[in-house]
Structure formats: C-alpha cells, structure tokens
Amino acid sequence: MLLRKFSPKKSKAKQQEGTSLVEFMMYLGLGVMVIIAAVNWYRQAKLTSDVSATVQNLGVLTTNVRNSFQQQGTYEGLSNTIVLSSNGVPEGMRVPGDETLIRSNFATDGVDITPENVGGIDDDGFGILFKEVPIRACNELVQKTYRTYFQVDVDGTIIDPSMNVADIQGACGFAESDGTNQLITIKWLDR
C-alpha cells in the first residue's frame, strides 16, 4: 500500500511539470533576447536611414542656395524664409503652415540657413546648421560630407577637408559617448 502512494506515474507527472516550467523560462528568455535584438536593429536601421536622408537633403539645400544666389555674388539676405519661398527645400523638410522653420530628420526646428563670413568678406559664404543631431549620427554624417564643404563646425570644433577620421571622431565625441541620446549641432560652411 505504501508503494501505491509513490507510484511512478505520479512521479513522472511531477517531473513533467518541473520540466515544463524550465522550458517555459528558457523560451521566455529567448523571446526577450529576440525582442532586444529587434529593437536594437530597428534603432540602427532608423539612424542609418536618417543619416542617408540628411546627406541627401544637405546636398539639395546646398545646390539650391548656390543656384539662388549665384547672380548676386554674395549671400546677403539669405534666410530660412528666402530658401523656403524659392522652393529650395525638399518637401519632407517643410513644416506645414510655417514660413520660417525647416525640419530635419532629427527635429522640427532642425535647420537654419544663414549668410556667413567664410573667406574674410561679409556674406561671402553660407552656413547650413543642423540642430539636435544625435551624437551617434555625427561621425557618419561628417565623414560623408566634410570633404565637399569649406568647413564643418561640430559643436565649435572646426573640421576641414585636410583632417582625418580620428579628428572627426574626436570632434563628434566618439570616445566620450556613453550610448545615451546626446544631441549636438553641426554647421556646414561653404561659398
């Protein structure tokens, strides 16, 4: 009679319950890892997409500013309003109902276009300032564009075409980045 209480069938049932719990925990852990990997992949893919769009939009803005002011000889009077009214801004960068704001992929009030003293003469160049750029995007943005501009100003550090990748990483705060979403400004200067 004592043997019937501890029959192998009951014992197997208890073992099966324990195994199911362990399996469930393993599947749960695996699921969490898959979700974390998917979120990280999405964030990186979005950042890459935003950087590519920004490089393309920067090129369109630069070309349109140069073409609009070529006859004048200087960039006196250049502003967001002038560029917006001359249709020199890609449609995705326009803020509906606003005549002064230019949107970037990173912020609604993300871009300012101004005349600059680039070569020692007032308004002989122009600047395209992108505000609130994630520090994670800086390195790639600057590397893809700095050789085609007179200078690039990364939060006060000047990058010119003679500099190398280490200089760009230093200006972008590559070594200091702690992985958080720190924001910086980048201004491309040209004539």
C-alpha atoms as a PDB file:
ATOM      1  CA  MET A   1       0.000   0.000   0.000  1.00  0.00           C
ATOM      2  CA  LEU A   2       2.825   2.339   0.733  1.00  0.00           C
ATOM      3  CA  LEU A   3       4.191   1.670  -2.729  1.00  0.00           C
ATOM      4  CA  ARG A   4       0.969   2.757  -4.373  1.00  0.00           C
ATOM      5  CA  LYS A   5       1.219   6.268  -2.903  1.00  0.00           C
ATOM      6  CA  PHE A   6       4.537   6.822  -4.635  1.00  0.00           C
ATOM      7  CA  SER A   7       3.708   5.273  -7.938  1.00  0.00           C
ATOM      8  CA  PRO A   8       5.972   6.083 -10.900  1.00  0.00           C
ATOM      9  CA  LYS A   9       3.078   7.731 -12.760  1.00  0.00           C
ATOM     10  CA  LYS A  10       2.689  10.461 -10.160  1.00  0.00           C
ATOM     11  CA  SER A  11       6.397  10.955 -10.018  1.00  0.00           C
ATOM     12  CA  LYS A  12       6.596  11.404 -13.808  1.00  0.00           C
ATOM     13  CA  ALA A  13       3.760  13.895 -13.692  1.00  0.00           C
ATOM     14  CA  LYS A  14       5.621  15.986 -11.125  1.00  0.00           C
ATOM     15  CA  GLN A  15       8.824  15.771 -13.164  1.00  0.00           C
ATOM     16  CA  GLN A  16       6.930  16.833 -16.270  1.00  0.00           C
ATOM     17  CA  GLU A  17       5.582  19.932 -14.507  1.00  0.00           C
ATOM     18  CA  GLY A  18       9.096  20.947 -13.489  1.00  0.00           C
ATOM     19  CA  THR A  19      10.460  20.395 -16.961  1.00  0.00           C
ATOM     20  CA  SER A  20       7.662  22.498 -18.455  1.00  0.00           C
ATOM     21  CA  LEU A  21       8.483  25.374 -16.144  1.00  0.00           C
ATOM     22  CA  VAL A  22      12.169  25.220 -17.051  1.00  0.00           C
ATOM     23  CA  GLU A  23      11.313  25.058 -20.748  1.00  0.00           C
ATOM     24  CA  PHE A  24       8.929  27.997 -20.344  1.00  0.00           C
ATOM     25  CA  MET A  25      11.640  30.063 -18.667  1.00  0.00           C
ATOM     26  CA  MET A  26      14.097  29.202 -21.455  1.00  0.00           C
ATOM     27  CA  TYR A  27      11.580  30.181 -24.139  1.00  0.00           C
ATOM     28  CA  LEU A  28      10.765  33.376 -22.267  1.00  0.00           C
ATOM     29  CA  GLY A  29      14.464  34.291 -22.022  1.00  0.00           C
ATOM     30  CA  LEU A  30      14.974  33.518 -25.702  1.00  0.00           C
ATOM     31  CA  GLY A  31      11.952  35.661 -26.591  1.00  0.00           C
ATOM     32  CA  VAL A  32      13.294  38.590 -24.580  1.00  0.00           C
ATOM     33  CA  MET A  33      16.667  38.322 -26.337  1.00  0.00           C
ATOM     34  CA  VAL A  34      14.964  38.293 -29.747  1.00  0.00           C
ATOM     35  CA  ILE A  35      12.922  41.386 -28.837  1.00  0.00           C
ATOM     36  CA  ILE A  36      16.006  43.242 -27.598  1.00  0.00           C
ATOM     37  CA  ALA A  37      17.907  42.349 -30.777  1.00  0.00           C
ATOM     38  CA  ALA A  38      14.981  43.509 -32.947  1.00  0.00           C
ATOM     39  CA  VAL A  39      14.722  46.845 -31.115  1.00  0.00           C
ATOM     40  CA  ASN A  40      18.478  47.458 -31.465  1.00  0.00           C
ATOM     41  CA  TRP A  41      18.378  46.522 -35.142  1.00  0.00           C
ATOM     42  CA  TYR A  42      15.443  48.901 -35.720  1.00  0.00           C
ATOM     43  CA  ARG A  43      17.202  51.782 -33.940  1.00  0.00           C
ATOM     44  CA  GLN A  44      20.348  51.270 -36.009  1.00  0.00           C
ATOM     45  CA  ALA A  45      18.384  50.939 -39.260  1.00  0.00           C
ATOM     46  CA  LYS A  46      16.443  54.141 -38.475  1.00  0.00           C
ATOM     47  CA  LEU A  47      19.647  56.021 -37.674  1.00  0.00           C
ATOM     48  CA  THR A  48      21.242  54.832 -40.921  1.00  0.00           C
ATOM     49  CA  SER A  49      18.142  55.892 -42.853  1.00  0.00           C
ATOM     50  CA  ASP A  50      18.091  59.310 -41.133  1.00  0.00           C
ATOM     51  CA  VAL A  51      21.787  59.874 -41.901  1.00  0.00           C
ATOM     52  CA  SER A  52      21.307  58.965 -45.582  1.00  0.00           C
ATOM     53  CA  ALA A  53      18.279  61.259 -45.881  1.00  0.00           C
ATOM     54  CA  THR A  54      20.176  64.079 -44.143  1.00  0.00           C
ATOM     55  CA  VAL A  55      23.147  63.758 -46.506  1.00  0.00           C
ATOM     56  CA  GLN A  56      20.784  63.871 -49.485  1.00  0.00           C
ATOM     57  CA  ASN A  57      18.811  66.836 -48.085  1.00  0.00           C
ATOM     58  CA  LEU A  58      22.018  68.705 -47.267  1.00  0.00           C
ATOM     59  CA  GLY A  59      23.127  68.320 -50.891  1.00  0.00           C
ATOM     60  CA  VAL A  60      19.785  69.603 -52.194  1.00  0.00           C
ATOM     61  CA  LEU A  61      19.857  72.613 -49.840  1.00  0.00           C
ATOM     62  CA  THR A  62      23.459  73.449 -50.782  1.00  0.00           C
ATOM     63  CA  THR A  63      22.768  73.273 -54.505  1.00  0.00           C
ATOM     64  CA  ASN A  64      19.616  75.367 -54.242  1.00  0.00           C
ATOM     65  CA  VAL A  65      21.299  78.062 -52.126  1.00  0.00           C
ATOM     66  CA  ARG A  66      24.240  78.299 -54.531  1.00  0.00           C
ATOM     67  CA  ASN A  67      21.947  78.485 -57.571  1.00  0.00           C
ATOM     68  CA  SER A  68      19.652  81.086 -55.998  1.00  0.00           C
ATOM     69  CA  PHE A  69      22.476  83.458 -55.012  1.00  0.00           C
ATOM     70  CA  GLN A  70      24.916  82.865 -57.867  1.00  0.00           C
ATOM     71  CA  GLN A  71      23.956  86.020 -59.777  1.00  0.00           C
ATOM     72  CA  GLN A  72      24.048  88.202 -56.657  1.00  0.00           C
ATOM     73  CA  GLY A  73      27.670  87.302 -55.850  1.00  0.00           C
ATOM     74  CA  THR A  74      27.114  87.277 -52.074  1.00  0.00           C
ATOM     75  CA  TYR A  75      24.707  85.535 -49.755  1.00  0.00           C
ATOM     76  CA  GLU A  76      23.415  88.751 -48.189  1.00  0.00           C
ATOM     77  CA  GLY A  77      19.762  88.338 -47.208  1.00  0.00           C
ATOM     78  CA  LEU A  78      19.893  84.552 -47.107  1.00  0.00           C
ATOM     79  CA  SER A  79      17.483  83.064 -44.544  1.00  0.00           C
ATOM     80  CA  ASN A  80      15.175  80.121 -43.996  1.00  0.00           C
ATOM     81  CA  THR A  81      12.269  82.238 -45.271  1.00  0.00           C
ATOM     82  CA  ILE A  82      14.050  83.070 -48.552  1.00  0.00           C
ATOM     83  CA  VAL A  83      15.026  79.439 -49.169  1.00  0.00           C
ATOM     84  CA  LEU A  84      11.511  78.200 -48.330  1.00  0.00           C
ATOM     85  CA  SER A  85       9.874  80.764 -50.624  1.00  0.00           C
ATOM     86  CA  SER A  86      12.153  79.860 -53.541  1.00  0.00           C
ATOM     87  CA  ASN A  87      11.178  76.192 -53.315  1.00  0.00           C
ATOM     88  CA  GLY A  88      14.774  75.342 -52.400  1.00  0.00           C
ATOM     89  CA  VAL A  89      13.742  72.976 -49.620  1.00  0.00           C
ATOM     90  CA  PRO A  90      12.772  69.317 -50.138  1.00  0.00           C
ATOM     91  CA  GLU A  91       9.098  68.718 -49.362  1.00  0.00           C
ATOM     92  CA  GLY A  92       9.859  66.443 -46.408  1.00  0.00           C
ATOM     93  CA  MET A  93      11.785  69.262 -44.722  1.00  0.00           C
ATOM     94  CA  ARG A  94       8.913  71.757 -44.826  1.00  0.00           C
ATOM     95  CA  VAL A  95       6.891  72.370 -41.664  1.00  0.00           C
ATOM     96  CA  PRO A  96       3.226  72.705 -42.722  1.00  0.00           C
ATOM     97  CA  GLY A  97       1.828  76.164 -42.025  1.00  0.00           C
ATOM     98  CA  ASP A  98       5.184  77.708 -41.105  1.00  0.00           C
ATOM     99  CA  GLU A  99       7.196  80.025 -43.351  1.00  0.00           C
ATOM    100  CA  THR A 100      10.388  80.067 -41.263  1.00  0.00           C
ATOM    101  CA  LEU A 101      11.047  76.570 -39.918  1.00  0.00           C
ATOM    102  CA  ILE A 102      12.917  73.870 -41.775  1.00  0.00           C
ATOM    103  CA  ARG A 103      12.608  70.344 -40.384  1.00  0.00           C
ATOM    104  CA  SER A 104      15.447  67.847 -40.211  1.00  0.00           C
ATOM    105  CA  ASN A 105      15.203  64.116 -39.663  1.00  0.00           C
ATOM    106  CA  PHE A 106      16.080  64.816 -36.035  1.00  0.00           C
ATOM    107  CA  ALA A 107      13.993  67.894 -35.035  1.00  0.00           C
ATOM    108  CA  THR A 108      11.054  70.016 -36.231  1.00  0.00           C
ATOM    109  CA  ASP A 109      13.040  73.260 -35.895  1.00  0.00           C
ATOM    110  CA  GLY A 110      16.111  71.414 -37.062  1.00  0.00           C
ATOM    111  CA  VAL A 111      17.800  73.586 -39.728  1.00  0.00           C
ATOM    112  CA  ASP A 112      18.930  77.214 -40.005  1.00  0.00           C
ATOM    113  CA  ILE A 113      20.421  78.643 -43.208  1.00  0.00           C
ATOM    114  CA  THR A 114      22.378  81.879 -42.816  1.00  0.00           C
ATOM    115  CA  PRO A 115      24.943  84.049 -44.635  1.00  0.00           C
ATOM    116  CA  GLU A 116      28.450  83.632 -43.209  1.00  0.00           C
ATOM    117  CA  ASN A 117      31.873  85.265 -43.357  1.00  0.00           C
ATOM    118  CA  VAL A 118      33.800  82.288 -44.745  1.00  0.00           C
ATOM    119  CA  GLY A 119      36.685  83.814 -46.696  1.00  0.00           C
ATOM    120  CA  GLY A 120      37.190  87.075 -44.801  1.00  0.00           C
ATOM    121  CA  ILE A 121      34.410  89.072 -46.524  1.00  0.00           C
ATOM    122  CA  ASP A 122      30.942  89.600 -45.078  1.00  0.00           C
ATOM    123  CA  ASP A 123      28.321  87.243 -46.541  1.00  0.00           C
ATOM    124  CA  ASP A 124      30.788  85.584 -48.946  1.00  0.00           C
ATOM    125  CA  GLY A 125      29.555  82.152 -47.854  1.00  0.00           C
ATOM    126  CA  PHE A 126      26.667  80.430 -46.179  1.00  0.00           C
ATOM    127  CA  GLY A 127      26.055  78.051 -43.338  1.00  0.00           C
ATOM    128  CA  ILE A 128      23.562  75.226 -43.016  1.00  0.00           C
ATOM    129  CA  LEU A 129      23.133  74.445 -39.329  1.00  0.00           C
ATOM    130  CA  PHE A 130      21.505  71.178 -38.243  1.00  0.00           C
ATOM    131  CA  LYS A 131      20.349  71.297 -34.612  1.00  0.00           C
ATOM    132  CA  GLU A 132      19.666  68.437 -32.203  1.00  0.00           C
ATOM    133  CA  VAL A 133      21.684  65.853 -34.139  1.00  0.00           C
ATOM    134  CA  PRO A 134      22.197  62.635 -32.141  1.00  0.00           C
ATOM    135  CA  ILE A 135      25.874  62.180 -31.320  1.00  0.00           C
ATOM    136  CA  ARG A 136      25.585  58.630 -32.746  1.00  0.00           C
ATOM    137  CA  ALA A 137      24.846  60.162 -36.193  1.00  0.00           C
ATOM    138  CA  CYS A 138      27.626  62.783 -36.124  1.00  0.00           C
ATOM    139  CA  ASN A 139      30.557  60.617 -37.144  1.00  0.00           C
ATOM    140  CA  GLU A 140      28.845  59.161 -40.204  1.00  0.00           C
ATOM    141  CA  LEU A 141      27.270  62.486 -41.262  1.00  0.00           C
ATOM    142  CA  VAL A 142      30.523  64.403 -41.089  1.00  0.00           C
ATOM    143  CA  GLN A 143      32.581  61.657 -42.746  1.00  0.00           C
ATOM    144  CA  LYS A 144      30.175  61.509 -45.690  1.00  0.00           C
ATOM    145  CA  THR A 145      30.159  65.275 -46.263  1.00  0.00           C
ATOM    146  CA  TYR A 146      33.176  67.137 -44.873  1.00  0.00           C
ATOM    147  CA  ARG A 147      35.361  66.907 -47.991  1.00  0.00           C
ATOM    148  CA  THR A 148      32.781  68.719 -50.147  1.00  0.00           C
ATOM    149  CA  TYR A 149      32.449  71.777 -47.876  1.00  0.00           C
ATOM    150  CA  PHE A 150      34.807  74.602 -46.957  1.00  0.00           C
ATOM    151  CA  GLN A 151      34.454  73.693 -43.276  1.00  0.00           C
ATOM    152  CA  VAL A 152      32.233  71.741 -40.947  1.00  0.00           C
ATOM    153  CA  ASP A 153      31.700  73.053 -37.410  1.00  0.00           C
ATOM    154  CA  VAL A 154      30.823  70.309 -34.909  1.00  0.00           C
ATOM    155  CA  ASP A 155      29.749  71.969 -31.653  1.00  0.00           C
ATOM    156  CA  GLY A 156      32.549  74.563 -32.009  1.00  0.00           C
ATOM    157  CA  THR A 157      35.249  72.231 -33.376  1.00  0.00           C
ATOM    158  CA  ILE A 158      36.205  73.067 -36.966  1.00  0.00           C
ATOM    159  CA  ILE A 159      36.704  70.185 -39.401  1.00  0.00           C
ATOM    160  CA  ASP A 160      38.225  70.954 -42.795  1.00  0.00           C
ATOM    161  CA  PRO A 161      38.931  68.696 -45.796  1.00  0.00           C
ATOM    162  CA  SER A 162      42.543  68.075 -44.701  1.00  0.00           C
ATOM    163  CA  MET A 163      41.528  66.318 -41.471  1.00  0.00           C
ATOM    164  CA  ASN A 164      41.247  62.577 -40.916  1.00  0.00           C
ATOM    165  CA  VAL A 165      38.798  60.119 -39.346  1.00  0.00           C
ATOM    166  CA  ALA A 166      40.379  60.374 -35.872  1.00  0.00           C
ATOM    167  CA  ASP A 167      39.863  64.169 -35.918  1.00  0.00           C
ATOM    168  CA  ILE A 168      36.203  63.683 -36.832  1.00  0.00           C
ATOM    169  CA  GLN A 169      35.676  61.097 -34.117  1.00  0.00           C
ATOM    170  CA  GLY A 170      37.248  63.443 -31.595  1.00  0.00           C
ATOM    171  CA  ALA A 171      35.031  66.355 -32.687  1.00  0.00           C
ATOM    172  CA  CYS A 172      31.921  64.188 -32.612  1.00  0.00           C
ATOM    173  CA  GLY A 173      32.673  62.995 -29.094  1.00  0.00           C
ATOM    174  CA  PHE A 174      33.015  59.406 -30.285  1.00  0.00           C
ATOM    175  CA  ALA A 175      35.235  58.411 -27.355  1.00  0.00           C
ATOM    176  CA  GLU A 176      33.121  60.207 -24.733  1.00  0.00           C
ATOM    177  CA  SER A 177      29.736  58.893 -25.888  1.00  0.00           C
ATOM    178  CA  ASP A 178      28.077  56.810 -23.217  1.00  0.00           C
ATOM    179  CA  GLY A 179      25.430  55.435 -25.556  1.00  0.00           C
ATOM    180  CA  THR A 180      22.736  57.869 -24.457  1.00  0.00           C
ATOM    181  CA  ASN A 181      20.996  60.088 -26.943  1.00  0.00           C
ATOM    182  CA  GLN A 182      23.198  63.166 -26.549  1.00  0.00           C
ATOM    183  CA  LEU A 183      22.454  65.961 -29.034  1.00  0.00           C
ATOM    184  CA  ILE A 184      24.890  68.268 -30.833  1.00  0.00           C
ATOM    185  CA  THR A 185      24.846  70.896 -33.601  1.00  0.00           C
ATOM    186  CA  ILE A 186      26.639  70.602 -36.922  1.00  0.00           C
ATOM    187  CA  LYS A 187      27.121  73.534 -39.326  1.00  0.00           C
ATOM    188  CA  TRP A 188      28.320  73.048 -42.882  1.00  0.00           C
ATOM    189  CA  LEU A 189      30.028  76.173 -44.283  1.00  0.00           C
ATOM    190  CA  ASP A 190      30.535  76.811 -47.973  1.00  0.00           C
ATOM    191  CA  ARG A 191      30.915  79.536 -50.596  1.00  0.00           C
END
